[in-house]
Structure formats: C-alpha cells, structure tokens
C-alpha cells in the first residue's frame, strides 16, 4: 500500500491498573517527558482490576501539559452515545484540545451482559457503532440549531440538545479487523487502530485490510488518506536482534519506518508499562523513524 503522507505519531498503550492507583498516571507523565505524542488506555468497565477509563483520562489530563490522550478503544455497548459525545467534548475542552476518541463495537459479551448491557450479535454491534458515530458527531455539531433526532435499531435519540462542541476536531478512531468494520472505518472514521499482535501474518496483513478501508472510503466519496492508520505494537529492547521489534533501538526504527512507508501506518503506539521503554521509544526510536521516513518520501533529504 502507498504511504499516505501523514505526519508520524508515537504513543503509549498503558494498563489502567487500579493498584497502585497512581501508577497509570505516572506513566502518562513519563510518556510526556519522553516526548511521545499520545497516551492511550483500553476500556473494560466490567474489569474491577482497572480504573474507570474516563476518570483516569481526566486525571491524567490535569497532570500533563502537552500529550494527547485517547481511548484505545472505548467499550461502546456500556456507554450511551450522547453521554460519550459530551464526555469526549468536555475532556477535549478541559485539556485544551488533547483528546481523541477510539471506539470499539464491543467484545466479552458475557461480561457486558452481566453489567446490564445489551448483548448484541456481531452484525448488530457494527450497526450500533455506525449509529453511535452519527449521534456523537451530531451532538458535536452546534452549527445545527435543531435538536438531534436519530432513529436507529440499536441507538436512538429523540430531540437531544446539541453541544458542547469540542475544542478541536476530535478524531474517531476504530479498532477493526473484519470486513464490515473495516468498511465502516473507510466510510465514517478518522482513524484505524488495530493491534499488531492480532494480525496472524504480521505487518503484511495490513495491505489487504488497508485495501478494504480504501475501497470503502472511495465509494463514500472520501480520500483514503483522511483515515489515519495507527498500530498498537509490542516488543523488547535488546542488544542483539531477535525478530520483529526485538532488538536495539536502531532495529526498531528501521522496522517501523518500513511499516510506515509500505503500509501507510502513521501512528505507532507501544504497549508497555515500563517508563524506561517509554523513554527509549520516545527519545531513540521515534526521532530515527521520522528521519528515515522523511528521507524516503518524495523530496526527502
């Protein structure tokens, strides 16, 4: 796949562990100190070992100045779309435009149902996500004076007031792997955030998945480049190479630059709870990846 020409982002995928309670926030602060662009958290409201994601993100935003925060990804079946829209806008306003909204269609349905959430089959879950995206954007659209009405099969609103608008154009990023979710990403999302470990064929799987997103974007009258491609990655820093993202920082940089140029990935989010690894990723890997990609792009030096 082509390089979509997007600026590169580097981030952290951190565990929202409830014990010790301040550890997750300390890691966000460490990620910011390392020069990373993003700090992201998974959202599993049925998991008592985890802090509530919205509360954690709000607290982390108050403890930082520059880094962008994101859900990676939010559990939509347990969160009402209008409330999600207002929560996202509120955090974006309070943080000075430092929030991006990752959304997921849902998983772990037994746990969701145990908390009172609606159990959805895969088709209904994707339908619900598509409806939620329209509702969320409708709440943010304060230029429209009429109340928001949306008649959906999973999510409906009947005259909801609009607003507040976020401080910036909050991106909606989807965690997607299957064809219908990928098509929704191309049709309606601002970003795609899969996890490398869930790709059986490794980075090479990105080609076909990107093609599905691109085809849906074109069919919807969109430029495929408007959909930012991000990737959750994991690895180990070692002195000697031992496979993909297992080696010294220079090897990491070369491998990530190749993924960026071959598959259009413009955001790399490292899953780690090590402040040392965050520092190496932000201070050693990220600058070299940026340099390698810039040199390989047309007009690069």
C-alpha atoms as a PDB file:
ATOM      1  CA  UNK A   1       0.000   0.000   0.000  1.00  0.00           C
ATOM      2  CA  UNK A   2       1.157   3.563  -0.562  1.00  0.00           C
ATOM      3  CA  UNK A   3       2.458   5.936   2.049  1.00  0.00           C
ATOM      4  CA  UNK A   4      -0.466   8.256   2.812  1.00  0.00           C
ATOM      5  CA  UNK A   5       1.943  11.091   3.642  1.00  0.00           C
ATOM      6  CA  UNK A   6       0.643  11.738   7.158  1.00  0.00           C
ATOM      7  CA  UNK A   7       2.806  13.157   9.930  1.00  0.00           C
ATOM      8  CA  UNK A   8       4.024  10.455  12.305  1.00  0.00           C
ATOM      9  CA  UNK A   9       2.737   9.984  15.846  1.00  0.00           C
ATOM     10  CA  UNK A  10       4.251   7.867  18.603  1.00  0.00           C
ATOM     11  CA  UNK A  11       2.415   6.860  21.729  1.00  0.00           C
ATOM     12  CA  UNK A  12       1.934   4.560  24.684  1.00  0.00           C
ATOM     13  CA  UNK A  13      -0.713   1.902  25.305  1.00  0.00           C
ATOM     14  CA  UNK A  14      -0.806   1.764  29.102  1.00  0.00           C
ATOM     15  CA  UNK A  15      -2.602  -0.568  31.516  1.00  0.00           C
ATOM     16  CA  UNK A  16      -5.256   1.283  33.557  1.00  0.00           C
ATOM     17  CA  UNK A  17      -4.427  -0.770  36.661  1.00  0.00           C
ATOM     18  CA  UNK A  18      -6.335   0.168  39.807  1.00  0.00           C
ATOM     19  CA  UNK A  19      -3.453  -0.860  42.074  1.00  0.00           C
ATOM     20  CA  UNK A  20      -1.362   1.090  42.771  1.00  0.00           C
ATOM     21  CA  UNK A  21      -3.874   3.751  41.714  1.00  0.00           C
ATOM     22  CA  UNK A  22      -1.452   6.483  40.629  1.00  0.00           C
ATOM     23  CA  UNK A  23       0.881   4.262  38.612  1.00  0.00           C
ATOM     24  CA  UNK A  24      -1.018   4.711  35.342  1.00  0.00           C
ATOM     25  CA  UNK A  25      -0.933   8.496  35.684  1.00  0.00           C
ATOM     26  CA  UNK A  26       2.786   8.403  36.490  1.00  0.00           C
ATOM     27  CA  UNK A  27       3.319   6.523  33.224  1.00  0.00           C
ATOM     28  CA  UNK A  28       1.403   9.179  31.282  1.00  0.00           C
ATOM     29  CA  UNK A  29       3.696  11.799  32.804  1.00  0.00           C
ATOM     30  CA  UNK A  30       6.691   9.641  31.838  1.00  0.00           C
ATOM     31  CA  UNK A  31       5.368   9.303  28.288  1.00  0.00           C
ATOM     32  CA  UNK A  32       5.055  13.070  28.008  1.00  0.00           C
ATOM     33  CA  UNK A  33       8.590  13.530  29.373  1.00  0.00           C
ATOM     34  CA  UNK A  34       9.828  11.038  26.755  1.00  0.00           C
ATOM     35  CA  UNK A  35       8.428  13.257  24.002  1.00  0.00           C
ATOM     36  CA  UNK A  36       5.649  10.892  22.985  1.00  0.00           C
ATOM     37  CA  UNK A  37       2.566  12.298  21.282  1.00  0.00           C
ATOM     38  CA  UNK A  38      -0.110  10.003  22.703  1.00  0.00           C
ATOM     39  CA  UNK A  39      -1.045   8.170  25.881  1.00  0.00           C
ATOM     40  CA  UNK A  40      -3.872   5.686  25.424  1.00  0.00           C
ATOM     41  CA  UNK A  41      -5.880   3.324  27.612  1.00  0.00           C
ATOM     42  CA  UNK A  42      -8.093   0.341  26.989  1.00  0.00           C
ATOM     43  CA  UNK A  43     -11.639   0.454  28.377  1.00  0.00           C
ATOM     44  CA  UNK A  44     -13.121  -2.572  30.130  1.00  0.00           C
ATOM     45  CA  UNK A  45     -15.736  -1.286  32.590  1.00  0.00           C
ATOM     46  CA  UNK A  46     -16.529  -4.833  33.759  1.00  0.00           C
ATOM     47  CA  UNK A  47     -12.935  -5.346  34.927  1.00  0.00           C
ATOM     48  CA  UNK A  48     -12.558  -4.427  38.635  1.00  0.00           C
ATOM     49  CA  UNK A  49      -8.761  -4.577  38.372  1.00  0.00           C
ATOM     50  CA  UNK A  50      -8.893  -1.485  36.140  1.00  0.00           C
ATOM     51  CA  UNK A  51      -9.614   2.138  36.899  1.00  0.00           C
ATOM     52  CA  UNK A  52     -12.565   3.749  35.142  1.00  0.00           C
ATOM     53  CA  UNK A  53     -11.160   4.971  31.853  1.00  0.00           C
ATOM     54  CA  UNK A  54     -12.898   8.377  31.712  1.00  0.00           C
ATOM     55  CA  UNK A  55     -11.898   9.217  35.281  1.00  0.00           C
ATOM     56  CA  UNK A  56      -8.312   8.137  34.628  1.00  0.00           C
ATOM     57  CA  UNK A  57      -8.037  10.152  31.413  1.00  0.00           C
ATOM     58  CA  UNK A  58      -9.422  13.251  33.109  1.00  0.00           C
ATOM     59  CA  UNK A  59      -6.985  12.961  35.997  1.00  0.00           C
ATOM     60  CA  UNK A  60      -4.092  12.329  33.597  1.00  0.00           C
ATOM     61  CA  UNK A  61      -5.032  15.361  31.514  1.00  0.00           C
ATOM     62  CA  UNK A  62      -4.854  17.531  34.619  1.00  0.00           C
ATOM     63  CA  UNK A  63      -1.361  16.190  35.374  1.00  0.00           C
ATOM     64  CA  UNK A  64       0.095  16.888  31.912  1.00  0.00           C
ATOM     65  CA  UNK A  65       0.500  19.813  29.548  1.00  0.00           C
ATOM     66  CA  UNK A  66       1.213  18.581  26.023  1.00  0.00           C
ATOM     67  CA  UNK A  67       0.493  14.908  25.436  1.00  0.00           C
ATOM     68  CA  UNK A  68      -2.728  13.838  23.707  1.00  0.00           C
ATOM     69  CA  UNK A  69      -4.921  11.278  25.453  1.00  0.00           C
ATOM     70  CA  UNK A  70      -7.082   8.666  23.758  1.00  0.00           C
ATOM     71  CA  UNK A  71      -9.271   5.660  24.403  1.00  0.00           C
ATOM     72  CA  UNK A  72      -7.867   2.518  22.815  1.00  0.00           C
ATOM     73  CA  UNK A  73     -10.726   1.689  22.460  1.00  0.00           C
ATOM     74  CA  UNK A  74     -13.881   2.719  24.350  1.00  0.00           C
ATOM     75  CA  UNK A  75     -16.410  -0.011  25.150  1.00  0.00           C
ATOM     76  CA  UNK A  76     -19.438   1.425  23.378  1.00  0.00           C
ATOM     77  CA  UNK A  77     -22.061  -1.149  24.484  1.00  0.00           C
ATOM     78  CA  UNK A  78     -21.722   0.068  28.081  1.00  0.00           C
ATOM     79  CA  UNK A  79     -21.642   3.776  27.222  1.00  0.00           C
ATOM     80  CA  UNK A  80     -24.584   5.743  25.806  1.00  0.00           C
ATOM     81  CA  UNK A  81     -23.539   7.672  22.650  1.00  0.00           C
ATOM     82  CA  UNK A  82     -24.843  11.125  23.683  1.00  0.00           C
ATOM     83  CA  UNK A  83     -23.020  10.795  27.007  1.00  0.00           C
ATOM     84  CA  UNK A  84     -19.882   9.652  25.170  1.00  0.00           C
ATOM     85  CA  UNK A  85     -20.096  12.723  22.931  1.00  0.00           C
ATOM     86  CA  UNK A  86     -20.416  15.105  25.861  1.00  0.00           C
ATOM     87  CA  UNK A  87     -17.724  13.341  27.880  1.00  0.00           C
ATOM     88  CA  UNK A  88     -15.322  13.499  24.939  1.00  0.00           C
ATOM     89  CA  UNK A  89     -16.073  17.156  24.236  1.00  0.00           C
ATOM     90  CA  UNK A  90     -15.721  18.032  27.908  1.00  0.00           C
ATOM     91  CA  UNK A  91     -12.322  16.360  28.204  1.00  0.00           C
ATOM     92  CA  UNK A  92     -11.159  17.958  24.963  1.00  0.00           C
ATOM     93  CA  UNK A  93     -12.224  21.404  26.199  1.00  0.00           C
ATOM     94  CA  UNK A  94     -10.670  20.983  29.635  1.00  0.00           C
ATOM     95  CA  UNK A  95      -7.392  19.646  28.198  1.00  0.00           C
ATOM     96  CA  UNK A  96      -7.033  22.300  25.509  1.00  0.00           C
ATOM     97  CA  UNK A  97      -7.757  20.005  22.572  1.00  0.00           C
ATOM     98  CA  UNK A  98      -5.782  16.966  23.733  1.00  0.00           C
ATOM     99  CA  UNK A  99      -8.240  14.126  23.279  1.00  0.00           C
ATOM    100  CA  UNK A 100      -9.019  11.595  20.536  1.00  0.00           C
ATOM    101  CA  UNK A 101     -11.871   9.092  20.699  1.00  0.00           C
ATOM    102  CA  UNK A 102     -11.133   5.461  19.960  1.00  0.00           C
ATOM    103  CA  UNK A 103     -14.312   3.356  19.720  1.00  0.00           C
ATOM    104  CA  UNK A 104     -14.955  -0.359  19.656  1.00  0.00           C
ATOM    105  CA  UNK A 105     -18.096  -2.277  18.759  1.00  0.00           C
ATOM    106  CA  UNK A 106     -17.808  -4.461  21.847  1.00  0.00           C
ATOM    107  CA  UNK A 107     -16.412  -7.801  22.982  1.00  0.00           C
ATOM    108  CA  UNK A 108     -16.642 -10.033  26.065  1.00  0.00           C
ATOM    109  CA  UNK A 109     -20.411 -10.081  25.798  1.00  0.00           C
ATOM    110  CA  UNK A 110     -20.965 -12.222  28.902  1.00  0.00           C
ATOM    111  CA  UNK A 111     -19.241  -9.557  30.995  1.00  0.00           C
ATOM    112  CA  UNK A 112     -21.166  -6.777  29.247  1.00  0.00           C
ATOM    113  CA  UNK A 113     -24.474  -8.539  29.855  1.00  0.00           C
ATOM    114  CA  UNK A 114     -23.531  -9.183  33.491  1.00  0.00           C
ATOM    115  CA  UNK A 115     -23.313  -5.401  33.982  1.00  0.00           C
ATOM    116  CA  UNK A 116     -26.713  -4.835  32.404  1.00  0.00           C
ATOM    117  CA  UNK A 117     -25.522  -4.047  28.905  1.00  0.00           C
ATOM    118  CA  UNK A 118     -27.353  -5.259  25.825  1.00  0.00           C
ATOM    119  CA  UNK A 119     -25.934  -8.416  24.306  1.00  0.00           C
ATOM    120  CA  UNK A 120     -25.539  -7.835  20.566  1.00  0.00           C
ATOM    121  CA  UNK A 121     -24.717 -10.216  17.749  1.00  0.00           C
ATOM    122  CA  UNK A 122     -21.782  -9.156  15.542  1.00  0.00           C
ATOM    123  CA  UNK A 123     -23.975  -7.514  12.903  1.00  0.00           C
ATOM    124  CA  UNK A 124     -25.984  -5.529  15.439  1.00  0.00           C
ATOM    125  CA  UNK A 125     -22.775  -4.473  17.206  1.00  0.00           C
ATOM    126  CA  UNK A 126     -21.404  -2.919  13.998  1.00  0.00           C
ATOM    127  CA  UNK A 127     -24.772  -1.315  13.258  1.00  0.00           C
ATOM    128  CA  UNK A 128     -24.783   0.153  16.755  1.00  0.00           C
ATOM    129  CA  UNK A 129     -21.288   1.558  16.266  1.00  0.00           C
ATOM    130  CA  UNK A 130     -22.263   3.210  12.976  1.00  0.00           C
ATOM    131  CA  UNK A 131     -25.340   4.727  14.610  1.00  0.00           C
ATOM    132  CA  UNK A 132     -23.262   5.926  17.567  1.00  0.00           C
ATOM    133  CA  UNK A 133     -20.768   7.698  15.290  1.00  0.00           C
ATOM    134  CA  UNK A 134     -23.588   9.646  13.670  1.00  0.00           C
ATOM    135  CA  UNK A 135     -25.070  10.544  17.060  1.00  0.00           C
ATOM    136  CA  UNK A 136     -21.723  11.614  18.525  1.00  0.00           C
ATOM    137  CA  UNK A 137     -20.956  13.842  15.562  1.00  0.00           C
ATOM    138  CA  UNK A 138     -24.498  15.191  15.716  1.00  0.00           C
ATOM    139  CA  UNK A 139     -24.047  16.237  19.341  1.00  0.00           C
ATOM    140  CA  UNK A 140     -20.779  17.978  18.470  1.00  0.00           C
ATOM    141  CA  UNK A 141     -22.382  19.862  15.553  1.00  0.00           C
ATOM    142  CA  UNK A 142     -23.512  23.022  17.330  1.00  0.00           C
ATOM    143  CA  UNK A 143     -23.893  24.828  13.995  1.00  0.00           C
ATOM    144  CA  UNK A 144     -27.140  22.902  13.568  1.00  0.00           C
ATOM    145  CA  UNK A 145     -29.857  24.579  15.646  1.00  0.00           C
ATOM    146  CA  UNK A 146     -32.473  21.862  15.565  1.00  0.00           C
ATOM    147  CA  UNK A 147     -32.483  19.162  18.269  1.00  0.00           C
ATOM    148  CA  UNK A 148     -30.788  15.919  17.359  1.00  0.00           C
ATOM    149  CA  UNK A 149     -33.063  13.125  16.179  1.00  0.00           C
ATOM    150  CA  UNK A 150     -31.717   9.731  15.153  1.00  0.00           C
ATOM    151  CA  UNK A 151     -33.863   6.641  14.738  1.00  0.00           C
ATOM    152  CA  UNK A 152     -31.615   3.608  14.917  1.00  0.00           C
ATOM    153  CA  UNK A 153     -32.045  -0.062  15.570  1.00  0.00           C
ATOM    154  CA  UNK A 154     -29.568  -0.057  18.469  1.00  0.00           C
ATOM    155  CA  UNK A 155     -29.153   3.625  19.392  1.00  0.00           C
ATOM    156  CA  UNK A 156     -31.802   6.310  19.040  1.00  0.00           C
ATOM    157  CA  UNK A 157     -32.199   9.871  20.288  1.00  0.00           C
ATOM    158  CA  UNK A 158     -35.396  11.884  20.148  1.00  0.00           C
ATOM    159  CA  UNK A 159     -34.657  15.588  20.322  1.00  0.00           C
ATOM    160  CA  UNK A 160     -31.377  15.674  22.242  1.00  0.00           C
ATOM    161  CA  UNK A 161     -29.818  19.093  22.695  1.00  0.00           C
ATOM    162  CA  UNK A 162     -26.527  19.590  20.904  1.00  0.00           C
ATOM    163  CA  UNK A 163     -23.209  20.552  22.433  1.00  0.00           C
ATOM    164  CA  UNK A 164     -20.814  21.297  23.778  1.00  0.00           C
ATOM    165  CA  UNK A 165     -18.525  21.334  20.767  1.00  0.00           C
ATOM    166  CA  UNK A 166     -15.016  20.019  21.452  1.00  0.00           C
ATOM    167  CA  UNK A 167     -12.004  22.331  21.356  1.00  0.00           C
ATOM    168  CA  UNK A 168     -10.726  20.746  18.149  1.00  0.00           C
ATOM    169  CA  UNK A 169     -11.982  18.254  15.564  1.00  0.00           C
ATOM    170  CA  UNK A 170     -11.782  15.161  17.746  1.00  0.00           C
ATOM    171  CA  UNK A 171     -10.859  12.145  15.673  1.00  0.00           C
ATOM    172  CA  UNK A 172     -12.953   8.993  15.897  1.00  0.00           C
ATOM    173  CA  UNK A 173     -10.626   6.001  15.595  1.00  0.00           C
ATOM    174  CA  UNK A 174     -11.972   2.467  15.245  1.00  0.00           C
ATOM    175  CA  UNK A 175     -10.458  -0.806  16.325  1.00  0.00           C
ATOM    176  CA  UNK A 176     -11.405  -3.015  13.371  1.00  0.00           C
ATOM    177  CA  UNK A 177     -10.368  -6.283  11.709  1.00  0.00           C
ATOM    178  CA  UNK A 178     -13.367  -7.821   9.925  1.00  0.00           C
ATOM    179  CA  UNK A 179     -14.720  -6.623   6.577  1.00  0.00           C
ATOM    180  CA  UNK A 180     -17.837  -4.789   7.746  1.00  0.00           C
ATOM    181  CA  UNK A 181     -15.937  -2.928  10.472  1.00  0.00           C
ATOM    182  CA  UNK A 182     -13.182  -2.071   8.016  1.00  0.00           C
ATOM    183  CA  UNK A 183     -15.726  -0.710   5.560  1.00  0.00           C
ATOM    184  CA  UNK A 184     -17.271   1.408   8.320  1.00  0.00           C
ATOM    185  CA  UNK A 185     -13.787   2.733   9.077  1.00  0.00           C
ATOM    186  CA  UNK A 186     -13.348   3.848   5.484  1.00  0.00           C
ATOM    187  CA  UNK A 187     -16.846   5.301   5.253  1.00  0.00           C
ATOM    188  CA  UNK A 188     -17.079   7.187   8.534  1.00  0.00           C
ATOM    189  CA  UNK A 189     -13.987   7.140  10.759  1.00  0.00           C
ATOM    190  CA  UNK A 190     -10.959   9.402  11.098  1.00  0.00           C
ATOM    191  CA  UNK A 191      -8.552   6.674  12.108  1.00  0.00           C
ATOM    192  CA  UNK A 192      -7.932   2.941  12.312  1.00  0.00           C
ATOM    193  CA  UNK A 193      -6.126   1.426  15.296  1.00  0.00           C
ATOM    194  CA  UNK A 194      -5.529  -2.343  15.066  1.00  0.00           C
ATOM    195  CA  UNK A 195      -3.051  -4.308  17.179  1.00  0.00           C
ATOM    196  CA  UNK A 196      -0.056  -5.943  15.522  1.00  0.00           C
ATOM    197  CA  UNK A 197      -0.317  -8.991  17.779  1.00  0.00           C
ATOM    198  CA  UNK A 198      -3.798  -9.716  16.417  1.00  0.00           C
ATOM    199  CA  UNK A 199      -2.538  -9.914  12.817  1.00  0.00           C
ATOM    200  CA  UNK A 200      -1.640 -13.575  12.166  1.00  0.00           C
ATOM    201  CA  UNK A 201       0.542 -12.692   9.195  1.00  0.00           C
ATOM    202  CA  UNK A 202       2.262  -9.770  10.883  1.00  0.00           C
ATOM    203  CA  UNK A 203       2.586  -6.364   9.189  1.00  0.00           C
ATOM    204  CA  UNK A 204       1.956  -7.922   5.768  1.00  0.00           C
ATOM    205  CA  UNK A 205      -1.710  -8.363   6.732  1.00  0.00           C
ATOM    206  CA  UNK A 206      -2.089  -4.591   6.720  1.00  0.00           C
ATOM    207  CA  UNK A 207      -2.087  -4.484   2.907  1.00  0.00           C
ATOM    208  CA  UNK A 208      -5.402  -6.280   2.428  1.00  0.00           C
ATOM    209  CA  UNK A 209      -7.020  -4.596   5.433  1.00  0.00           C
ATOM    210  CA  UNK A 210      -5.964  -1.173   4.162  1.00  0.00           C
ATOM    211  CA  UNK A 211      -7.353  -2.015   0.733  1.00  0.00           C
ATOM    212  CA  UNK A 212     -10.779  -2.684   2.230  1.00  0.00           C
ATOM    213  CA  UNK A 213     -10.708   0.627   4.099  1.00  0.00           C
ATOM    214  CA  UNK A 214      -9.522   2.484   0.997  1.00  0.00           C
ATOM    215  CA  UNK A 215     -12.198   0.979  -1.216  1.00  0.00           C
ATOM    216  CA  UNK A 216     -14.931   1.922   1.241  1.00  0.00           C
ATOM    217  CA  UNK A 217     -13.552   5.442   1.562  1.00  0.00           C
ATOM    218  CA  UNK A 218     -13.518   5.965  -2.201  1.00  0.00           C
ATOM    219  CA  UNK A 219     -17.042   4.555  -2.517  1.00  0.00           C
ATOM    220  CA  UNK A 220     -18.166   7.058   0.125  1.00  0.00           C
ATOM    221  CA  UNK A 221     -16.523   9.935  -1.751  1.00  0.00           C
ATOM    222  CA  UNK A 222     -13.644  10.273   0.685  1.00  0.00           C
ATOM    223  CA  UNK A 223      -9.902  10.459   0.169  1.00  0.00           C
ATOM    224  CA  UNK A 224      -8.445   7.332   1.821  1.00  0.00           C
ATOM    225  CA  UNK A 225      -5.660   9.492   3.263  1.00  0.00           C
ATOM    226  CA  UNK A 226      -8.119  11.182   5.635  1.00  0.00           C
ATOM    227  CA  UNK A 227      -8.206   7.932   7.630  1.00  0.00           C
ATOM    228  CA  UNK A 228      -5.108   7.890   9.807  1.00  0.00           C
ATOM    229  CA  UNK A 229      -3.600   4.400  10.155  1.00  0.00           C
ATOM    230  CA  UNK A 230      -2.286   3.668  13.634  1.00  0.00           C
ATOM    231  CA  UNK A 231      -0.898   0.436  15.052  1.00  0.00           C
ATOM    232  CA  UNK A 232      -0.581  -0.886  18.581  1.00  0.00           C
ATOM    233  CA  UNK A 233       2.779  -2.648  18.833  1.00  0.00           C
ATOM    234  CA  UNK A 234       4.741  -4.555  21.426  1.00  0.00           C
ATOM    235  CA  UNK A 235       8.341  -5.616  21.609  1.00  0.00           C
ATOM    236  CA  UNK A 236      11.524  -5.932  23.602  1.00  0.00           C
ATOM    237  CA  UNK A 237      14.613  -3.759  23.568  1.00  0.00           C
ATOM    238  CA  UNK A 238      17.720  -5.944  23.481  1.00  0.00           C
ATOM    239  CA  UNK A 239      21.338  -5.511  22.459  1.00  0.00           C
ATOM    240  CA  UNK A 240      21.084  -8.083  19.668  1.00  0.00           C
ATOM    241  CA  UNK A 241      18.333  -8.594  17.130  1.00  0.00           C
ATOM    242  CA  UNK A 242      15.897 -11.445  17.652  1.00  0.00           C
ATOM    243  CA  UNK A 243      12.927 -10.847  15.381  1.00  0.00           C
ATOM    244  CA  UNK A 244      10.449  -8.067  14.668  1.00  0.00           C
ATOM    245  CA  UNK A 245      10.683  -5.331  17.325  1.00  0.00           C
ATOM    246  CA  UNK A 246      13.094  -7.425  19.350  1.00  0.00           C
ATOM    247  CA  UNK A 247      16.448  -5.763  19.242  1.00  0.00           C
ATOM    248  CA  UNK A 248      18.218  -2.403  19.654  1.00  0.00           C
ATOM    249  CA  UNK A 249      16.503   0.924  19.072  1.00  0.00           C
ATOM    250  CA  UNK A 250      18.021   1.262  15.615  1.00  0.00           C
ATOM    251  CA  UNK A 251      16.453  -2.007  14.506  1.00  0.00           C
ATOM    252  CA  UNK A 252      13.078  -0.885  15.864  1.00  0.00           C
ATOM    253  CA  UNK A 253      13.373   2.359  13.910  1.00  0.00           C
ATOM    254  CA  UNK A 254      14.210   0.614  10.643  1.00  0.00           C
ATOM    255  CA  UNK A 255      11.324  -1.831  11.028  1.00  0.00           C
ATOM    256  CA  UNK A 256       8.755   0.813  11.953  1.00  0.00           C
ATOM    257  CA  UNK A 257       9.909   3.085   9.129  1.00  0.00           C
ATOM    258  CA  UNK A 258       9.389   0.209   6.683  1.00  0.00           C
ATOM    259  CA  UNK A 259       5.857  -0.352   8.004  1.00  0.00           C
ATOM    260  CA  UNK A 260       5.131   3.360   7.674  1.00  0.00           C
ATOM    261  CA  UNK A 261       6.351   3.522   4.093  1.00  0.00           C
ATOM    262  CA  UNK A 262       4.945   0.185   2.890  1.00  0.00           C
ATOM    263  CA  UNK A 263       1.561   0.223   4.622  1.00  0.00           C
ATOM    264  CA  UNK A 264       0.850   3.864   5.375  1.00  0.00           C
ATOM    265  CA  UNK A 265       0.950   3.482   9.146  1.00  0.00           C
ATOM    266  CA  UNK A 266       1.444   6.934  10.659  1.00  0.00           C
ATOM    267  CA  UNK A 267       0.916   6.196  14.339  1.00  0.00           C
ATOM    268  CA  UNK A 268       2.809   3.666  16.448  1.00  0.00           C
ATOM    269  CA  UNK A 269       1.540   3.014  19.969  1.00  0.00           C
ATOM    270  CA  UNK A 270       3.789   0.940  22.231  1.00  0.00           C
ATOM    271  CA  UNK A 271       2.112  -1.378  24.725  1.00  0.00           C
ATOM    272  CA  UNK A 272       4.262  -1.176  27.831  1.00  0.00           C
ATOM    273  CA  UNK A 273       4.156  -0.214  31.475  1.00  0.00           C
ATOM    274  CA  UNK A 274       7.902   0.418  31.617  1.00  0.00           C
ATOM    275  CA  UNK A 275       8.999   4.039  31.971  1.00  0.00           C
ATOM    276  CA  UNK A 276      12.413   3.012  30.641  1.00  0.00           C
ATOM    277  CA  UNK A 277      10.898   1.568  27.460  1.00  0.00           C
ATOM    278  CA  UNK A 278       8.763   4.683  27.002  1.00  0.00           C
ATOM    279  CA  UNK A 279      11.903   6.808  27.207  1.00  0.00           C
ATOM    280  CA  UNK A 280      13.728   4.699  24.616  1.00  0.00           C
ATOM    281  CA  UNK A 281      10.716   4.686  22.311  1.00  0.00           C
ATOM    282  CA  UNK A 282      10.253   8.439  22.505  1.00  0.00           C
ATOM    283  CA  UNK A 283      13.876   9.586  22.579  1.00  0.00           C
ATOM    284  CA  UNK A 284      15.684   6.994  20.450  1.00  0.00           C
ATOM    285  CA  UNK A 285      13.187   5.230  18.181  1.00  0.00           C
ATOM    286  CA  UNK A 286      10.729   7.994  17.250  1.00  0.00           C
ATOM    287  CA  UNK A 287      13.276  10.568  16.000  1.00  0.00           C
ATOM    288  CA  UNK A 288      15.036   7.984  13.842  1.00  0.00           C
ATOM    289  CA  UNK A 289      11.782   6.704  12.331  1.00  0.00           C
ATOM    290  CA  UNK A 290      10.807  10.263  11.468  1.00  0.00           C
ATOM    291  CA  UNK A 291      14.176  10.863   9.844  1.00  0.00           C
ATOM    292  CA  UNK A 292      14.077   7.640   7.831  1.00  0.00           C
ATOM    293  CA  UNK A 293      10.540   8.273   6.589  1.00  0.00           C
ATOM    294  CA  UNK A 294      11.244  11.897   5.743  1.00  0.00           C
ATOM    295  CA  UNK A 295      14.313  10.902   3.726  1.00  0.00           C
ATOM    296  CA  UNK A 296      12.379   8.252   1.803  1.00  0.00           C
ATOM    297  CA  UNK A 297       9.434  10.460   0.884  1.00  0.00           C
ATOM    298  CA  UNK A 298       9.464  12.476  -2.340  1.00  0.00           C
ATOM    299  CA  UNK A 299      11.724  15.477  -1.895  1.00  0.00           C
ATOM    300  CA  UNK A 300      13.313  13.951   1.199  1.00  0.00           C
ATOM    301  CA  UNK A 301      16.897  14.576   2.128  1.00  0.00           C
END
